[in-house]
């Protein structure tokens, strides 16, 4: 259960951060001068790239892929723990 919760938090937190960064209410996304464009976060702070906002809409697959990915990571972690024998039976 703890492993599942850890993976869930680890997979969802970057998504939440990214979506909140590119949301129209964010100050970060307000720096583009053209209407209908948003600024994308980059590793280099001085770089500004603006993209059309219609490219960043939520789709149905956005709700399906993260839970499937998290389930695969939990299953792989469980198999690794069992294969290596990291848990001790009491």
N, C-alpha and C. Protein backbone atom coordinates (compact mmCIF):
# COMPACT_ATOMS: atom_id res chain seq x y z
N UNK A 1 0.83 -1.19 0.00
CA UNK A 1 0.00 0.00 0.00
C UNK A 1 0.88 1.26 0.00
N UNK A 2 1.92 1.24 0.83
CA UNK A 2 2.82 2.39 0.89
C UNK A 2 3.55 2.59 -0.44
N UNK A 3 3.94 1.49 -1.07
CA UNK A 3 4.60 1.57 -2.37
C UNK A 3 3.66 2.15 -3.42
N UNK A 4 2.42 1.74 -3.39
CA UNK A 4 1.43 2.26 -4.34
C UNK A 4 1.20 3.75 -4.16
N UNK A 5 1.08 4.19 -2.92
CA UNK A 5 0.86 5.61 -2.66
C UNK A 5 2.08 6.44 -3.07
N UNK A 6 3.27 5.92 -2.83
CA UNK A 6 4.49 6.64 -3.21
C UNK A 6 4.57 6.82 -4.72
N UNK A 7 4.27 5.77 -5.45
CA UNK A 7 4.30 5.85 -6.91
C UNK A 7 3.21 6.79 -7.42
N UNK A 8 2.05 6.75 -6.82
CA UNK A 8 0.96 7.63 -7.24
C UNK A 8 1.32 9.09 -7.05
N UNK A 9 1.87 9.42 -5.90
CA UNK A 9 2.27 10.81 -5.64
C UNK A 9 3.41 11.23 -6.57
N UNK A 10 4.36 10.33 -6.79
CA UNK A 10 5.49 10.65 -7.65
C UNK A 10 5.09 10.82 -9.10
N UNK A 11 4.05 10.14 -9.55
CA UNK A 11 3.64 10.26 -10.95
C UNK A 11 2.67 11.42 -11.17
N UNK A 12 1.92 11.79 -10.16
CA UNK A 12 0.92 12.84 -10.33
C UNK A 12 1.50 14.24 -10.05
N UNK A 13 2.46 14.36 -9.15
CA UNK A 13 2.96 15.69 -8.79
C UNK A 13 3.61 16.44 -9.95
N UNK A 14 4.40 15.82 -10.84
CA UNK A 14 4.91 16.59 -11.98
C UNK A 14 3.81 17.06 -12.92
N UNK A 15 2.76 16.26 -13.08
CA UNK A 15 1.64 16.66 -13.93
C UNK A 15 0.93 17.87 -13.36
N UNK A 16 0.68 17.85 -12.08
CA UNK A 16 -0.01 18.96 -11.43
C UNK A 16 0.83 20.24 -11.55
N UNK A 17 2.12 20.12 -11.35
CA UNK A 17 3.01 21.27 -11.46
C UNK A 17 3.00 21.83 -12.88
N UNK A 18 3.10 20.97 -13.86
CA UNK A 18 3.13 21.40 -15.26
C UNK A 18 1.82 22.08 -15.65
N UNK A 19 0.69 21.47 -15.30
CA UNK A 19 -0.60 22.03 -15.66
C UNK A 19 -0.83 23.36 -14.97
N UNK A 20 -0.43 23.48 -13.71
CA UNK A 20 -0.61 24.76 -13.02
C UNK A 20 0.32 25.84 -13.60
N UNK A 21 1.47 25.43 -14.12
CA UNK A 21 2.40 26.39 -14.71
C UNK A 21 1.88 26.94 -16.03
N UNK A 22 1.25 26.10 -16.84
CA UNK A 22 0.78 26.56 -18.15
C UNK A 22 -0.67 27.03 -18.14
N UNK A 23 -1.30 27.03 -16.98
CA UNK A 23 -2.69 27.49 -16.92
C UNK A 23 -2.76 28.99 -17.22
N UNK A 24 -3.87 29.45 -17.77
CA UNK A 24 -4.00 30.88 -18.10
C UNK A 24 -3.88 31.80 -16.89
N UNK A 25 -4.18 31.32 -15.70
CA UNK A 25 -4.10 32.16 -14.50
C UNK A 25 -2.67 32.33 -14.00
N UNK A 26 -1.75 31.50 -14.48
CA UNK A 26 -0.36 31.57 -14.03
C UNK A 26 0.33 32.80 -14.61
N UNK A 27 1.14 33.44 -13.79
CA UNK A 27 1.92 34.58 -14.27
C UNK A 27 2.96 34.15 -15.29
N UNK A 28 3.39 32.92 -15.19
CA UNK A 28 4.39 32.41 -16.13
C UNK A 28 3.87 32.38 -17.55
N UNK A 29 2.60 32.06 -17.72
CA UNK A 29 2.04 31.94 -19.06
C UNK A 29 1.60 33.28 -19.64
N UNK A 30 1.68 34.35 -18.89
CA UNK A 30 1.22 35.66 -19.35
C UNK A 30 2.30 36.46 -20.09
N UNK A 31 3.49 35.94 -20.26
CA UNK A 31 4.58 36.71 -20.81
C UNK A 31 4.62 36.75 -22.33
N UNK A 32 3.79 35.99 -23.01
CA UNK A 32 3.75 36.04 -24.47
C UNK A 32 2.95 37.26 -24.91
N UNK A 33 3.44 37.96 -25.92
CA UNK A 33 2.78 39.18 -26.36
C UNK A 33 1.62 38.90 -27.31
N UNK A 34 1.64 37.78 -28.00
CA UNK A 34 0.56 37.45 -28.93
C UNK A 34 -0.61 36.82 -28.19
N UNK A 35 -1.83 37.19 -28.57
CA UNK A 35 -3.01 36.59 -27.96
C UNK A 35 -3.14 35.15 -28.44
N UNK A 36 -3.58 34.28 -27.55
CA UNK A 36 -3.78 32.88 -27.91
C UNK A 36 -2.52 32.04 -27.83
N UNK A 37 -1.44 32.59 -27.30
CA UNK A 37 -0.19 31.86 -27.15
C UNK A 37 0.17 31.79 -25.68
N UNK A 38 0.82 30.70 -25.29
CA UNK A 38 1.28 30.55 -23.92
C UNK A 38 2.77 30.23 -23.93
N UNK A 39 3.43 30.58 -22.85
CA UNK A 39 4.86 30.32 -22.71
C UNK A 39 5.05 28.95 -22.08
N UNK A 40 5.97 28.17 -22.63
CA UNK A 40 6.24 26.83 -22.10
C UNK A 40 7.46 26.89 -21.18
N UNK A 41 7.41 26.17 -20.06
CA UNK A 41 8.56 26.15 -19.15
C UNK A 41 9.74 25.41 -19.78
N UNK A 42 10.91 25.99 -19.63
CA UNK A 42 12.15 25.40 -20.14
C UNK A 42 13.17 25.32 -19.02
N UNK A 43 14.25 24.57 -19.26
CA UNK A 43 15.32 24.47 -18.27
C UNK A 43 16.14 25.75 -18.19
N UNK A 44 16.25 26.46 -19.29
CA UNK A 44 17.03 27.69 -19.33
C UNK A 44 16.10 28.87 -19.04
N UNK A 45 16.29 29.58 -17.94
CA UNK A 45 15.35 30.64 -17.57
C UNK A 45 15.27 31.80 -18.56
N UNK A 46 16.31 32.10 -19.28
CA UNK A 46 16.29 33.24 -20.20
C UNK A 46 15.55 32.97 -21.50
N UNK A 47 15.30 31.72 -21.83
CA UNK A 47 14.64 31.36 -23.08
C UNK A 47 13.12 31.51 -22.94
N UNK A 48 12.50 32.10 -23.95
CA UNK A 48 11.04 32.23 -23.98
C UNK A 48 10.55 31.64 -25.29
N UNK A 49 9.77 30.56 -25.19
CA UNK A 49 9.13 29.96 -26.35
C UNK A 49 7.63 30.03 -26.17
N UNK A 50 6.95 30.56 -27.15
CA UNK A 50 5.50 30.68 -27.08
C UNK A 50 4.87 29.72 -28.08
N UNK A 51 3.84 29.03 -27.64
CA UNK A 51 3.13 28.07 -28.46
C UNK A 51 1.64 28.40 -28.47
N UNK A 52 0.93 28.02 -29.53
CA UNK A 52 -0.52 28.26 -29.55
C UNK A 52 -1.21 27.48 -28.42
N UNK A 53 -2.11 28.16 -27.73
CA UNK A 53 -2.75 27.53 -26.57
C UNK A 53 -3.69 26.40 -26.94
N UNK A 54 -4.17 26.35 -28.18
CA UNK A 54 -5.08 25.27 -28.58
C UNK A 54 -4.37 23.92 -28.65
N UNK A 55 -3.04 23.92 -28.63
CA UNK A 55 -2.29 22.66 -28.63
C UNK A 55 -2.30 21.99 -27.27
N UNK A 56 -2.69 22.70 -26.22
CA UNK A 56 -2.61 22.19 -24.86
C UNK A 56 -3.99 22.09 -24.23
N UNK A 57 -4.80 21.22 -24.76
CA UNK A 57 -6.12 20.98 -24.19
C UNK A 57 -6.11 19.60 -23.55
N UNK A 58 -6.95 19.41 -22.57
CA UNK A 58 -7.05 18.11 -21.90
C UNK A 58 -7.80 17.14 -22.81
N UNK A 59 -7.32 15.93 -22.85
CA UNK A 59 -8.00 14.89 -23.61
C UNK A 59 -8.34 13.74 -22.67
N UNK A 60 -9.11 12.80 -23.18
CA UNK A 60 -9.51 11.66 -22.35
C UNK A 60 -8.33 10.77 -22.00
N UNK A 61 -7.34 10.73 -22.87
CA UNK A 61 -6.18 9.87 -22.61
C UNK A 61 -5.34 10.39 -21.44
N UNK A 62 -5.44 11.67 -21.12
CA UNK A 62 -4.71 12.23 -19.99
C UNK A 62 -5.16 11.64 -18.66
N UNK A 63 -6.37 11.14 -18.60
CA UNK A 63 -6.87 10.53 -17.37
C UNK A 63 -6.60 9.03 -17.33
N UNK A 64 -6.26 8.42 -18.46
CA UNK A 64 -6.05 6.98 -18.53
C UNK A 64 -4.58 6.61 -18.38
N UNK A 65 -3.70 7.32 -19.03
CA UNK A 65 -2.29 6.94 -19.08
C UNK A 65 -1.60 6.99 -17.71
N UNK A 66 -1.72 8.05 -16.90
CA UNK A 66 -0.99 8.07 -15.62
C UNK A 66 -1.34 6.92 -14.67
N UNK A 67 -2.61 6.54 -14.49
CA UNK A 67 -2.87 5.39 -13.61
C UNK A 67 -2.31 4.08 -14.15
N UNK A 68 -2.36 3.90 -15.48
CA UNK A 68 -1.79 2.68 -16.06
C UNK A 68 -0.28 2.66 -15.85
N UNK A 69 0.36 3.81 -16.08
CA UNK A 69 1.81 3.90 -15.87
C UNK A 69 2.15 3.62 -14.41
N UNK A 70 1.39 4.20 -13.48
CA UNK A 70 1.65 3.98 -12.06
C UNK A 70 1.47 2.51 -11.70
N UNK A 71 0.46 1.86 -12.24
CA UNK A 71 0.23 0.44 -11.97
C UNK A 71 1.39 -0.41 -12.50
N UNK A 72 1.88 -0.07 -13.68
CA UNK A 72 3.03 -0.81 -14.23
C UNK A 72 4.28 -0.63 -13.38
N UNK A 73 4.51 0.57 -12.90
CA UNK A 73 5.68 0.83 -12.06
C UNK A 73 5.56 0.08 -10.73
N UNK A 74 4.37 0.06 -10.14
CA UNK A 74 4.17 -0.67 -8.89
C UNK A 74 4.38 -2.16 -9.11
N UNK A 75 3.84 -2.69 -10.21
CA UNK A 75 4.02 -4.12 -10.50
C UNK A 75 5.49 -4.45 -10.72
N UNK A 76 6.20 -3.60 -11.47
CA UNK A 76 7.62 -3.85 -11.70
C UNK A 76 8.42 -3.75 -10.40
N UNK A 77 8.08 -2.79 -9.56
CA UNK A 77 8.77 -2.64 -8.27
C UNK A 77 8.53 -3.85 -7.39
N UNK A 78 7.31 -4.35 -7.39
CA UNK A 78 6.97 -5.52 -6.59
C UNK A 78 7.74 -6.74 -7.08
N UNK A 79 7.82 -6.91 -8.39
CA UNK A 79 8.58 -8.04 -8.94
C UNK A 79 10.05 -7.92 -8.59
N UNK A 80 10.60 -6.72 -8.64
CA UNK A 80 12.00 -6.51 -8.29
C UNK A 80 12.25 -6.82 -6.82
N UNK A 81 11.35 -6.36 -5.95
CA UNK A 81 11.51 -6.61 -4.52
C UNK A 81 11.44 -8.10 -4.23
N UNK A 82 10.53 -8.80 -4.89
CA UNK A 82 10.41 -10.25 -4.68
C UNK A 82 11.62 -10.99 -5.25
N UNK A 83 12.12 -10.55 -6.41
CA UNK A 83 13.25 -11.22 -7.04
C UNK A 83 14.53 -11.05 -6.22
N UNK A 84 14.71 -9.87 -5.68
CA UNK A 84 15.92 -9.60 -4.91
C UNK A 84 15.78 -10.10 -3.47
N UNK A 85 14.56 -10.24 -3.03
CA UNK A 85 14.33 -10.72 -1.67
C UNK A 85 14.55 -9.66 -0.62
N UNK A 86 14.09 -8.44 -0.89
CA UNK A 86 14.32 -7.33 0.03
C UNK A 86 13.38 -7.32 1.25
N UNK A 87 12.32 -8.08 1.17
CA UNK A 87 11.43 -8.11 2.34
C UNK A 87 11.73 -9.34 3.17
N UNK A 88 11.46 -9.24 4.45
CA UNK A 88 11.74 -10.33 5.38
C UNK A 88 10.43 -10.82 5.96
N UNK A 89 10.22 -12.11 5.87
CA UNK A 89 9.00 -12.68 6.47
C UNK A 89 9.24 -12.87 7.95
N UNK A 90 8.21 -12.58 8.73
CA UNK A 90 8.35 -12.74 10.18
C UNK A 90 7.65 -13.96 10.66
